[in-house]
């Protein structure tokens, strides 16, 4: 089940408001992930459901080559403004329009729980990550109460090469 049509309309309705008012609240989390991943020159970073592109813009300031996928064209327009050298495309996270083994880092900030088929979306993230690359899935909230947390736990074997910062 691909979700970009519905999600694009919903998330794109107030794109500029999100980018200018809300998205900045996520900057510390984005920076923490980029620091943990060691993003720098030569890093190829894909942000799945990239929204208005703040995480990608921060990654680009570290020297990374950035790409982003989102369902909302209005959000992608802002991402392109922020990082003109980035590759930002409209698409479904269940069918990433990208080559296998392409990225050192694949991030999904508050993303995978919105997929129509979260298992397929996770498979796609792993598919486009280089061998030995890192896939980071972050949701907002306490893990015990988050549906996405149980989703990741259920797919732990598929994600085995991509360990959490604590090694689990």
Protein backbone atom coordinates (compact mmCIF):
# COMPACT_ATOMS: atom_id res chain seq x y z
CA UNK A 1 0.00 0.00 0.00
CA UNK A 2 1.56 3.26 -1.08
CA UNK A 3 0.62 6.35 0.87
CA UNK A 4 2.12 9.36 -0.86
CA UNK A 5 -1.13 10.61 -2.38
CA UNK A 6 -3.01 10.91 0.89
CA UNK A 7 0.01 11.83 2.99
CA UNK A 8 1.12 14.47 0.52
CA UNK A 9 -2.18 16.31 0.73
CA UNK A 10 -2.30 16.15 4.52
CA UNK A 11 1.32 17.05 5.29
CA UNK A 12 1.64 19.62 2.53
CA UNK A 13 -1.40 21.70 3.50
CA UNK A 14 0.56 24.07 5.79
CA UNK A 15 4.12 23.34 4.68
CA UNK A 16 5.53 26.83 5.25
CA UNK A 17 4.03 26.95 8.76
CA UNK A 18 5.66 23.61 9.60
CA UNK A 19 9.02 24.72 8.23
CA UNK A 20 9.06 28.11 9.94
CA UNK A 21 7.31 27.36 13.25
CA UNK A 22 7.51 23.68 14.18
CA UNK A 23 10.41 21.99 12.42
CA UNK A 24 13.04 23.93 14.35
CA UNK A 25 11.99 22.07 17.49
CA UNK A 26 13.51 18.94 15.93
CA UNK A 27 16.94 20.45 15.18
CA UNK A 28 18.64 19.10 18.33
CA UNK A 29 17.50 15.56 17.53
CA UNK A 30 18.65 15.90 13.93
CA UNK A 31 22.08 17.14 15.06
CA UNK A 32 22.43 14.34 17.60
CA UNK A 33 21.80 11.71 14.93
CA UNK A 34 24.17 13.35 12.44
CA UNK A 35 26.88 13.57 15.10
CA UNK A 36 26.37 9.94 16.13
CA UNK A 37 26.53 8.83 12.50
CA UNK A 38 29.75 10.79 11.91
CA UNK A 39 28.31 12.72 8.97
CA UNK A 40 30.95 14.65 7.07
CA UNK A 41 32.42 15.15 3.62
CA UNK A 42 31.82 12.08 1.48
CA UNK A 43 28.78 10.89 3.45
CA UNK A 44 25.76 10.06 1.29
CA UNK A 45 22.63 10.74 3.37
CA UNK A 46 19.02 9.94 2.49
CA UNK A 47 16.28 11.38 4.68
CA UNK A 48 13.10 9.33 4.21
CA UNK A 49 9.99 11.48 4.57
CA UNK A 50 12.30 14.48 4.67
CA UNK A 51 9.58 17.04 5.25
CA UNK A 52 10.88 20.59 4.67
CA UNK A 53 14.46 19.31 4.63
CA UNK A 54 15.93 20.66 7.86
CA UNK A 55 17.78 17.42 8.67
CA UNK A 56 19.16 17.29 5.13
CA UNK A 57 20.21 20.94 5.29
CA UNK A 58 22.07 20.33 8.57
CA UNK A 59 23.71 17.25 7.03
CA UNK A 60 24.78 19.27 3.98
CA UNK A 61 26.46 21.86 6.22
CA UNK A 62 28.60 18.96 7.52
CA UNK A 63 29.67 18.22 3.94
CA UNK A 64 27.27 15.36 3.12
CA UNK A 65 25.65 14.80 -0.25
CA UNK A 66 21.96 14.76 0.66
CA UNK A 67 18.81 13.30 -0.80
CA UNK A 68 15.26 13.32 0.48
CA UNK A 69 11.97 11.63 -0.29
CA UNK A 70 8.63 13.04 0.78
CA UNK A 71 5.00 12.73 -0.22
CA UNK A 72 4.27 16.47 -0.11
CA UNK A 73 5.51 18.57 -3.01
CA UNK A 74 4.99 21.75 -0.94
CA UNK A 75 7.46 20.46 1.67
CA UNK A 76 9.91 19.38 -1.03
CA UNK A 77 9.88 22.90 -2.49
CA UNK A 78 11.10 24.23 0.86
CA UNK A 79 13.74 21.48 1.12
CA UNK A 80 15.02 22.46 -2.34
CA UNK A 81 15.19 26.13 -1.29
CA UNK A 82 17.19 25.20 1.81
CA UNK A 83 19.60 22.87 0.01
CA UNK A 84 19.69 23.57 -3.73
CA UNK A 85 22.41 20.96 -4.31
CA UNK A 86 20.30 18.23 -2.71
CA UNK A 87 18.28 15.63 -4.58
CA UNK A 88 14.70 15.90 -3.30
CA UNK A 89 12.01 13.74 -4.86
CA UNK A 90 8.33 13.09 -4.35
CA UNK A 91 7.70 9.43 -3.69
CA UNK A 92 6.46 6.64 -1.48
CA UNK A 93 8.61 5.32 1.32
CA UNK A 94 7.31 1.85 0.46
CA UNK A 95 8.93 2.07 -3.00
CA UNK A 96 11.98 4.34 -2.85
CA UNK A 97 12.95 5.48 -6.37
CA UNK A 98 16.65 4.94 -5.65
CA UNK A 99 19.38 2.42 -6.37
CA UNK A 100 20.35 -0.40 -4.01
CA UNK A 101 23.33 0.13 -1.68
CA UNK A 102 23.50 3.89 -2.31
CA UNK A 103 23.63 5.63 1.08
CA UNK A 104 25.94 5.65 4.08
CA UNK A 105 23.10 6.97 6.24
CA UNK A 106 19.35 6.57 5.85
CA UNK A 107 17.22 8.48 8.35
CA UNK A 108 13.51 8.33 9.03
CA UNK A 109 12.50 11.02 11.51
CA UNK A 110 8.90 10.43 12.53
CA UNK A 111 8.35 8.62 9.25
CA UNK A 112 7.89 4.87 9.19
CA UNK A 113 4.81 4.73 11.38
CA UNK A 114 2.95 6.66 8.66
CA UNK A 115 3.66 4.13 5.92
CA UNK A 116 0.73 2.11 4.65
CA UNK A 117 3.06 -0.92 4.81
CA UNK A 118 5.68 -0.17 7.45
CA UNK A 119 7.46 -3.49 6.94
CA UNK A 120 7.96 -2.73 3.24
CA UNK A 121 9.14 0.79 4.06
CA UNK A 122 11.76 -0.62 6.43
CA UNK A 123 12.88 -3.12 3.78
CA UNK A 124 13.30 -0.23 1.36
CA UNK A 125 15.42 1.74 3.83
CA UNK A 126 17.70 -1.27 4.30
CA UNK A 127 17.82 -1.88 0.53
CA UNK A 128 19.12 1.61 -0.29
CA UNK A 129 21.65 1.64 2.58
CA UNK A 130 25.19 0.59 1.70
CA UNK A 131 26.51 -2.57 3.33
CA UNK A 132 27.75 -1.43 6.72
CA UNK A 133 25.70 1.75 6.44
CA UNK A 134 23.41 3.07 9.14
CA UNK A 135 19.62 3.24 9.21
CA UNK A 136 18.23 5.49 11.94
CA UNK A 137 14.54 5.44 12.81
CA UNK A 138 13.40 8.09 15.24
CA UNK A 139 9.92 8.76 16.56
CA UNK A 140 8.78 11.41 19.00
CA UNK A 141 7.71 10.11 22.38
CA UNK A 142 8.47 7.49 24.99
CA UNK A 143 9.28 4.12 23.35
CA UNK A 144 6.91 2.20 25.64
CA UNK A 145 3.91 4.04 24.22
CA UNK A 146 4.95 4.28 20.59
CA UNK A 147 3.58 1.95 17.94
CA UNK A 148 6.75 2.48 15.91
CA UNK A 149 8.83 1.07 18.75
CA UNK A 150 7.02 -2.27 18.63
CA UNK A 151 7.29 -2.22 14.83
CA UNK A 152 11.07 -1.90 14.96
CA UNK A 153 11.31 -4.59 17.64
CA UNK A 154 9.24 -6.96 15.48
CA UNK A 155 11.62 -6.42 12.56
CA UNK A 156 14.84 -6.63 14.57
CA UNK A 157 16.22 -9.53 12.52
CA UNK A 158 15.83 -7.59 9.28
CA UNK A 159 17.62 -4.65 10.88
CA UNK A 160 20.32 -6.71 12.64
CA UNK A 161 23.26 -5.07 10.80
CA UNK A 162 21.97 -1.65 11.88
CA UNK A 163 22.33 -1.48 15.64
CA UNK A 164 21.05 1.16 18.03
CA UNK A 165 23.62 3.51 19.62
CA UNK A 166 23.61 1.37 22.78
CA UNK A 167 24.56 -1.70 20.71
CA UNK A 168 21.24 -3.49 21.11
